[in-house]
Amino acid sequence: MTWSGLGAMWRDKMAGFKTVLGVLSIVMLFFGTIFILQGLNISGAPQSYMTSDINWTYRGVGFDVVGLALFIFALRGGWRNIAGGIGALLCVLGALWVLQGLNVLPGMGMSGHNEWAIRGGIAFVIGAVLALVSRGGSSE
């Protein structure tokens, strides 16, 4: 195998790794922001044991800083990789929500509630569109 062949193989493996990092970074940014809002007791944030606890604000800032760094690193592999990963994640979550909303997966808070089937269907369609858009053309 030539050096150029090794470089191409390395780039292919890194593309998958950057996709995972991109999805992880979006999840970290989402939860970090929720931690900050709850720690600061901002109205509209979900109420929990973290409400008005400044330590959760600090943890949220940490999550957001690391999430942003991972996002910037992952974007160097192309935005299509991240869009495809988010699309796949939305498809899985959407299918799960549809099954729970239709009471196929009973025993959870969403089970038997039609609004979760509708939300799941919307999430699934958005995820499928993201996954299809990410497949077209070059990744950069």
N, C-alpha and C. Protein backbone atom coordinates (compact mmCIF):
# COMPACT_ATOMS: atom_id res chain seq x y z
N MET A 1 0.85 -1.18 0.00
CA MET A 1 0.00 0.00 0.00
C MET A 1 0.89 1.24 0.00
N THR A 2 0.52 2.22 -0.78
CA THR A 2 1.30 3.44 -0.89
C THR A 2 0.90 4.43 0.20
N TRP A 3 1.74 5.47 0.34
CA TRP A 3 1.43 6.50 1.33
C TRP A 3 0.11 7.20 1.03
N SER A 4 -0.16 7.42 -0.27
CA SER A 4 -1.42 8.08 -0.62
C SER A 4 -2.61 7.18 -0.30
N GLY A 5 -2.43 5.87 -0.46
CA GLY A 5 -3.49 4.92 -0.10
C GLY A 5 -3.77 4.93 1.39
N LEU A 6 -2.70 5.03 2.19
CA LEU A 6 -2.88 5.11 3.65
C LEU A 6 -3.58 6.40 4.04
N GLY A 7 -3.22 7.50 3.37
CA GLY A 7 -3.87 8.78 3.67
C GLY A 7 -5.35 8.75 3.37
N ALA A 8 -5.73 8.13 2.24
CA ALA A 8 -7.15 8.04 1.87
C ALA A 8 -7.90 7.16 2.87
N MET A 9 -7.28 6.06 3.29
CA MET A 9 -7.92 5.18 4.27
C MET A 9 -8.12 5.92 5.59
N TRP A 10 -7.10 6.69 6.01
CA TRP A 10 -7.20 7.45 7.25
C TRP A 10 -8.31 8.49 7.17
N ARG A 11 -8.43 9.20 6.03
CA ARG A 11 -9.49 10.20 5.86
C ARG A 11 -10.88 9.55 5.93
N ASP A 12 -11.03 8.37 5.34
CA ASP A 12 -12.32 7.68 5.39
C ASP A 12 -12.69 7.32 6.81
N LYS A 13 -11.72 6.83 7.58
CA LYS A 13 -12.01 6.46 8.98
C LYS A 13 -12.31 7.71 9.82
N MET A 14 -11.60 8.79 9.55
CA MET A 14 -11.84 10.03 10.30
C MET A 14 -13.20 10.63 9.98
N ALA A 15 -13.70 10.43 8.77
CA ALA A 15 -15.02 10.99 8.42
C ALA A 15 -16.10 10.40 9.32
N GLY A 16 -16.07 9.10 9.54
CA GLY A 16 -17.04 8.47 10.44
C GLY A 16 -16.87 8.93 11.87
N PHE A 17 -15.62 9.07 12.30
CA PHE A 17 -15.32 9.53 13.65
C PHE A 17 -15.83 10.96 13.84
N LYS A 18 -15.62 11.82 12.84
CA LYS A 18 -16.08 13.20 12.94
C LYS A 18 -17.60 13.29 12.91
N THR A 19 -18.25 12.35 12.24
CA THR A 19 -19.72 12.32 12.26
C THR A 19 -20.21 12.06 13.67
N VAL A 20 -19.62 11.07 14.33
CA VAL A 20 -20.00 10.75 15.72
C VAL A 20 -19.71 11.93 16.62
N LEU A 21 -18.55 12.56 16.46
CA LEU A 21 -18.22 13.73 17.28
C LEU A 21 -19.18 14.88 17.03
N GLY A 22 -19.60 15.06 15.77
CA GLY A 22 -20.54 16.12 15.46
C GLY A 22 -21.88 15.93 16.14
N VAL A 23 -22.38 14.70 16.11
CA VAL A 23 -23.65 14.40 16.78
C VAL A 23 -23.50 14.58 18.29
N LEU A 24 -22.41 14.07 18.84
CA LEU A 24 -22.15 14.22 20.28
C LEU A 24 -22.07 15.69 20.66
N SER A 25 -21.43 16.51 19.81
CA SER A 25 -21.29 17.93 20.12
C SER A 25 -22.65 18.63 20.17
N ILE A 26 -23.56 18.28 19.27
CA ILE A 26 -24.90 18.89 19.27
C ILE A 26 -25.67 18.48 20.53
N VAL A 27 -25.55 17.21 20.91
CA VAL A 27 -26.21 16.75 22.13
C VAL A 27 -25.64 17.47 23.34
N MET A 28 -24.30 17.63 23.38
CA MET A 28 -23.68 18.33 24.51
C MET A 28 -24.11 19.80 24.56
N LEU A 29 -24.18 20.46 23.41
CA LEU A 29 -24.63 21.85 23.39
C LEU A 29 -26.07 21.97 23.87
N PHE A 30 -26.92 21.04 23.46
CA PHE A 30 -28.33 21.04 23.87
C PHE A 30 -28.45 20.91 25.39
N PHE A 31 -27.82 19.86 25.94
CA PHE A 31 -27.94 19.63 27.38
C PHE A 31 -27.20 20.69 28.20
N GLY A 32 -26.07 21.18 27.70
CA GLY A 32 -25.36 22.24 28.40
C GLY A 32 -26.21 23.49 28.54
N THR A 33 -26.93 23.82 27.48
CA THR A 33 -27.81 24.98 27.53
C THR A 33 -28.96 24.78 28.52
N ILE A 34 -29.52 23.57 28.54
CA ILE A 34 -30.58 23.27 29.52
C ILE A 34 -30.03 23.38 30.94
N PHE A 35 -28.82 22.85 31.18
CA PHE A 35 -28.21 22.94 32.52
C PHE A 35 -28.03 24.40 32.93
N ILE A 36 -27.57 25.24 32.00
CA ILE A 36 -27.37 26.66 32.31
C ILE A 36 -28.70 27.32 32.66
N LEU A 37 -29.72 27.09 31.84
CA LEU A 37 -31.02 27.70 32.08
C LEU A 37 -31.62 27.25 33.41
N GLN A 38 -31.48 25.96 33.72
CA GLN A 38 -32.03 25.48 34.99
C GLN A 38 -31.23 26.01 36.17
N GLY A 39 -29.91 26.03 36.04
CA GLY A 39 -29.08 26.53 37.14
C GLY A 39 -29.35 27.99 37.45
N LEU A 40 -29.68 28.77 36.42
CA LEU A 40 -29.99 30.19 36.61
C LEU A 40 -31.46 30.43 36.90
N ASN A 41 -32.26 29.37 36.91
CA ASN A 41 -33.70 29.43 37.17
C ASN A 41 -34.40 30.37 36.19
N ILE A 42 -34.06 30.23 34.91
CA ILE A 42 -34.71 31.01 33.86
C ILE A 42 -36.11 30.44 33.63
N SER A 43 -37.12 31.31 33.60
CA SER A 43 -38.48 30.81 33.38
C SER A 43 -38.57 30.17 32.00
N GLY A 44 -39.31 29.12 31.90
CA GLY A 44 -39.46 28.37 30.66
C GLY A 44 -38.56 27.15 30.62
N ALA A 45 -37.53 27.12 31.46
CA ALA A 45 -36.66 25.95 31.52
C ALA A 45 -37.37 24.87 32.31
N PRO A 46 -37.13 23.60 31.98
CA PRO A 46 -37.75 22.51 32.74
C PRO A 46 -37.36 22.60 34.21
N GLN A 47 -38.31 22.38 35.09
CA GLN A 47 -38.04 22.43 36.53
C GLN A 47 -37.59 21.07 37.03
N SER A 48 -36.53 21.06 37.85
CA SER A 48 -36.03 19.80 38.41
C SER A 48 -35.19 20.13 39.64
N TYR A 49 -34.50 19.14 40.15
CA TYR A 49 -33.63 19.35 41.31
C TYR A 49 -32.46 20.27 40.97
N MET A 50 -32.21 20.52 39.68
CA MET A 50 -31.11 21.39 39.26
C MET A 50 -31.49 22.86 39.29
N THR A 51 -32.77 23.16 39.42
CA THR A 51 -33.26 24.54 39.38
C THR A 51 -32.64 25.35 40.51
N SER A 52 -32.12 26.54 40.17
CA SER A 52 -31.52 27.49 41.12
C SER A 52 -30.25 26.97 41.78
N ASP A 53 -29.61 25.97 41.21
CA ASP A 53 -28.34 25.46 41.74
C ASP A 53 -27.23 25.92 40.80
N ILE A 54 -26.42 26.87 41.24
CA ILE A 54 -25.41 27.49 40.39
C ILE A 54 -24.38 26.47 39.89
N ASN A 55 -24.19 25.38 40.62
CA ASN A 55 -23.24 24.35 40.17
C ASN A 55 -23.66 23.78 38.82
N TRP A 56 -24.97 23.69 38.56
CA TRP A 56 -25.43 23.18 37.27
C TRP A 56 -25.17 24.19 36.16
N THR A 57 -25.14 25.46 36.50
CA THR A 57 -24.78 26.48 35.51
C THR A 57 -23.33 26.28 35.09
N TYR A 58 -22.45 26.06 36.06
CA TYR A 58 -21.03 25.84 35.74
C TYR A 58 -20.86 24.57 34.90
N ARG A 59 -21.57 23.53 35.25
CA ARG A 59 -21.48 22.28 34.47
C ARG A 59 -22.00 22.51 33.05
N GLY A 60 -23.07 23.29 32.93
CA GLY A 60 -23.62 23.60 31.61
C GLY A 60 -22.64 24.37 30.75
N VAL A 61 -21.94 25.33 31.35
CA VAL A 61 -20.93 26.09 30.61
C VAL A 61 -19.83 25.14 30.15
N GLY A 62 -19.42 24.23 31.02
CA GLY A 62 -18.41 23.23 30.64
C GLY A 62 -18.87 22.37 29.47
N PHE A 63 -20.10 21.90 29.54
CA PHE A 63 -20.67 21.09 28.46
C PHE A 63 -20.68 21.90 27.16
N ASP A 64 -21.10 23.17 27.23
CA ASP A 64 -21.19 23.98 26.02
C ASP A 64 -19.81 24.28 25.43
N VAL A 65 -18.82 24.52 26.27
CA VAL A 65 -17.47 24.80 25.76
C VAL A 65 -16.91 23.56 25.06
N VAL A 66 -17.03 22.40 25.70
CA VAL A 66 -16.53 21.16 25.08
C VAL A 66 -17.35 20.83 23.83
N GLY A 67 -18.66 21.00 23.90
CA GLY A 67 -19.51 20.74 22.74
C GLY A 67 -19.17 21.63 21.56
N LEU A 68 -18.89 22.91 21.83
CA LEU A 68 -18.52 23.83 20.75
C LEU A 68 -17.17 23.45 20.14
N ALA A 69 -16.21 23.07 20.98
CA ALA A 69 -14.91 22.64 20.46
C ALA A 69 -15.05 21.39 19.59
N LEU A 70 -15.84 20.43 20.04
CA LEU A 70 -16.06 19.22 19.24
C LEU A 70 -16.78 19.54 17.94
N PHE A 71 -17.73 20.47 18.00
CA PHE A 71 -18.48 20.85 16.80
C PHE A 71 -17.55 21.48 15.76
N ILE A 72 -16.68 22.38 16.21
CA ILE A 72 -15.74 23.02 15.28
C ILE A 72 -14.81 21.98 14.67
N PHE A 73 -14.32 21.05 15.49
CA PHE A 73 -13.45 19.99 14.97
C PHE A 73 -14.20 19.12 13.96
N ALA A 74 -15.43 18.76 14.29
CA ALA A 74 -16.21 17.89 13.40
C ALA A 74 -16.56 18.59 12.09
N LEU A 75 -16.78 19.89 12.13
CA LEU A 75 -17.12 20.63 10.91
C LEU A 75 -15.97 20.63 9.91
N ARG A 76 -14.76 20.42 10.37
CA ARG A 76 -13.62 20.35 9.46
C ARG A 76 -13.74 19.13 8.55
N GLY A 77 -14.58 18.17 8.90
CA GLY A 77 -14.83 17.01 8.05
C GLY A 77 -15.99 17.24 7.09
N GLY A 78 -16.64 18.38 7.19
CA GLY A 78 -17.76 18.69 6.31
C GLY A 78 -19.08 18.63 7.07
N TRP A 79 -19.96 19.57 6.75
CA TRP A 79 -21.24 19.65 7.45
C TRP A 79 -22.15 18.49 7.10
N ARG A 80 -21.95 17.89 5.93
CA ARG A 80 -22.84 16.79 5.52
C ARG A 80 -22.71 15.58 6.43
N ASN A 81 -21.52 15.34 6.95
CA ASN A 81 -21.34 14.23 7.88
C ASN A 81 -22.19 14.43 9.13
N ILE A 82 -22.16 15.64 9.66
CA ILE A 82 -22.93 15.93 10.88
C ILE A 82 -24.43 15.88 10.59
N ALA A 83 -24.85 16.43 9.45
CA ALA A 83 -26.27 16.41 9.09
C ALA A 83 -26.76 14.97 8.95
N GLY A 84 -25.95 14.11 8.36
CA GLY A 84 -26.33 12.70 8.22
C GLY A 84 -26.46 12.01 9.57
N GLY A 85 -25.53 12.31 10.48
CA GLY A 85 -25.60 11.71 11.82
C GLY A 85 -26.80 12.17 12.60
N ILE A 86 -27.08 13.48 12.54
CA ILE A 86 -28.27 14.02 13.21
C ILE A 86 -29.53 13.44 12.58
N GLY A 87 -29.54 13.31 11.26
CA GLY A 87 -30.68 12.72 10.56
C GLY A 87 -30.95 11.30 11.00
N ALA A 88 -29.89 10.50 11.11
CA ALA A 88 -30.06 9.12 11.56
C ALA A 88 -30.59 9.07 12.99
N LEU A 89 -30.06 9.94 13.85
CA LEU A 89 -30.52 9.98 15.24
C LEU A 89 -31.99 10.38 15.32
N LEU A 90 -32.40 11.38 14.51
CA LEU A 90 -33.81 11.79 14.49
C LEU A 90 -34.72 10.69 13.97
N CYS A 91 -34.25 9.92 12.98
CA CYS A 91 -35.05 8.80 12.47
C CYS A 91 -35.31 7.77 13.56
N VAL A 92 -34.26 7.43 14.30
CA VAL A 92 -34.41 6.43 15.36
C VAL A 92 -35.34 6.95 16.46
N LEU A 93 -35.10 8.19 16.92
CA LEU A 93 -35.97 8.76 17.96
C LEU A 93 -37.40 8.91 17.47
N GLY A 94 -37.58 9.35 16.22
CA GLY A 94 -38.92 9.51 15.66
C GLY A 94 -39.67 8.19 15.62
N ALA A 95 -38.99 7.14 15.17
CA ALA A 95 -39.63 5.81 15.13
C ALA A 95 -40.01 5.35 16.54
N LEU A 96 -39.13 5.60 17.50
CA LEU A 96 -39.41 5.22 18.89
C LEU A 96 -40.63 5.98 19.42
N TRP A 97 -40.70 7.28 19.14
CA TRP A 97 -41.83 8.09 19.61
C TRP A 97 -43.13 7.66 18.95
N VAL A 98 -43.09 7.31 17.67
CA VAL A 98 -44.30 6.82 16.99
C VAL A 98 -44.79 5.55 17.66
N LEU A 99 -43.87 4.63 17.91
CA LEU A 99 -44.26 3.36 18.54
C LEU A 99 -44.81 3.58 19.95
N GLN A 100 -44.22 4.52 20.69
CA GLN A 100 -44.73 4.81 22.03
C GLN A 100 -46.09 5.50 21.95
N GLY A 101 -46.23 6.45 21.05
CA GLY A 101 -47.50 7.16 20.91
C GLY A 101 -48.64 6.25 20.50
N LEU A 102 -48.34 5.23 19.69
CA LEU A 102 -49.37 4.27 19.26
C LEU A 102 -49.54 3.13 20.26
N ASN A 103 -48.84 3.22 21.39
CA ASN A 103 -48.90 2.24 22.48
C ASN A 103 -48.39 0.85 22.06
N VAL A 104 -47.50 0.82 21.06
CA VAL A 104 -46.85 -0.44 20.70
C VAL A 104 -45.76 -0.75 21.73
N LEU A 105 -45.12 0.30 22.26
CA LEU A 105 -44.15 0.18 23.35
C LEU A 105 -44.78 0.76 24.61
N PRO A 106 -45.55 -0.03 25.34
CA PRO A 106 -46.25 0.50 26.52
C PRO A 106 -45.33 0.65 27.73
N GLY A 107 -45.86 1.31 28.75
CA GLY A 107 -45.18 1.39 30.03
C GLY A 107 -44.36 2.66 30.22
N MET A 108 -44.46 3.62 29.32
CA MET A 108 -43.72 4.86 29.46
C MET A 108 -44.71 6.03 29.47
N GLY A 109 -44.23 7.20 29.86
CA GLY A 109 -45.10 8.37 29.95
C GLY A 109 -45.71 8.79 28.62
N MET A 110 -45.06 8.44 27.51
CA MET A 110 -45.56 8.84 26.19
C MET A 110 -46.50 7.79 25.60
N SER A 111 -46.56 6.64 26.22
CA SER A 111 -47.34 5.53 25.66
C SER A 111 -48.82 5.86 25.59
N GLY A 112 -49.41 5.63 24.43
CA GLY A 112 -50.84 5.83 24.25
C GLY A 112 -51.26 7.26 24.00
N HIS A 113 -50.32 8.17 23.87
CA HIS A 113 -50.65 9.58 23.61
C HIS A 113 -50.36 9.88 22.14
N ASN A 114 -51.42 10.15 21.38
CA ASN A 114 -51.30 10.36 19.94
C ASN A 114 -50.39 11.52 19.56
N GLU A 115 -50.28 12.54 20.43
CA GLU A 115 -49.42 13.67 20.08
C GLU A 115 -47.96 13.23 19.95
N TRP A 116 -47.55 12.18 20.69
CA TRP A 116 -46.18 11.68 20.56
C TRP A 116 -46.00 10.92 19.25
N ALA A 117 -47.04 10.29 18.77
CA ALA A 117 -46.96 9.63 17.46
C ALA A 117 -46.80 10.68 16.36
N ILE A 118 -47.51 11.79 16.49
CA ILE A 118 -47.40 12.87 15.51
C ILE A 118 -46.01 13.51 15.57
N ARG A 119 -45.54 13.82 16.79
CA ARG A 119 -44.19 14.40 16.94
C ARG A 119 -43.13 13.45 16.41
N GLY A 120 -43.31 12.17 16.67
CA GLY A 120 -42.36 11.18 16.18
C GLY A 120 -42.33 11.11 14.66
N GLY A 121 -43.51 11.19 14.06
CA GLY A 121 -43.57 11.19 12.60
C GLY A 121 -42.87 12.39 12.01
N ILE A 122 -43.06 13.55 12.63
CA ILE A 122 -42.39 14.77 12.16
C ILE A 122 -40.88 14.63 12.32
N ALA A 123 -40.43 14.14 13.49
CA ALA A 123 -38.99 13.95 13.71
C ALA A 123 -38.40 12.97 12.71
N PHE A 124 -39.15 11.90 12.42
CA PHE A 124 -38.67 10.90 11.47
C PHE A 124 -38.51 11.51 10.07
N VAL A 125 -39.50 12.28 9.63
CA VAL A 125 -39.43 12.90 8.30
C VAL A 125 -38.26 13.88 8.22
N ILE A 126 -38.09 14.72 9.25
CA ILE A 126 -36.97 15.67 9.26
C ILE A 126 -35.64 14.91 9.23
N GLY A 127 -35.54 13.84 10.01
CA GLY A 127 -34.32 13.03 10.02
C GLY A 127 -34.04 12.39 8.67
N ALA A 128 -35.08 11.88 8.01
CA ALA A 128 -34.90 11.26 6.70
C ALA A 128 -34.44 12.29 5.67
N VAL A 129 -35.01 13.50 5.73
CA VAL A 129 -34.59 14.56 4.80
C VAL A 129 -33.13 14.92 5.05
N LEU A 130 -32.74 15.09 6.31
CA LEU A 130 -31.34 15.39 6.62
C LEU A 130 -30.41 14.30 6.13
N ALA A 131 -30.79 13.05 6.34
CA ALA A 131 -29.95 11.93 5.91
C ALA A 131 -29.83 11.90 4.39
N LEU A 132 -30.92 12.15 3.68
CA LEU A 132 -30.87 12.15 2.22
C LEU A 132 -30.08 13.33 1.67
N VAL A 133 -30.25 14.50 2.26
CA VAL A 133 -29.51 15.68 1.82
C VAL A 133 -28.01 15.48 2.04
N SER A 134 -27.64 14.83 3.14
CA SER A 134 -26.23 14.64 3.46
C SER A 134 -25.54 13.68 2.51
N ARG A 135 -26.30 12.85 1.80
CA ARG A 135 -25.70 11.86 0.89
C ARG A 135 -25.24 12.46 -0.42
N GLY A 136 -25.87 13.55 -0.83
CA GLY A 136 -25.58 14.11 -2.14
C GLY A 136 -24.27 14.87 -2.21
N GLY A 137 -23.55 14.72 -3.29
CA GLY A 137 -22.35 15.51 -3.58
C GLY A 137 -21.19 15.26 -2.65
N SER A 138 -20.27 16.21 -2.64
CA SER A 138 -19.06 16.14 -1.83
C SER A 138 -19.39 16.47 -0.38
N SER A 139 -18.56 16.03 0.56
CA SER A 139 -18.82 16.27 1.98
C SER A 139 -18.23 17.61 2.43
N GLU A 140 -17.69 18.41 1.53
CA GLU A 140 -17.12 19.69 1.95
C GLU A 140 -17.58 20.80 1.04
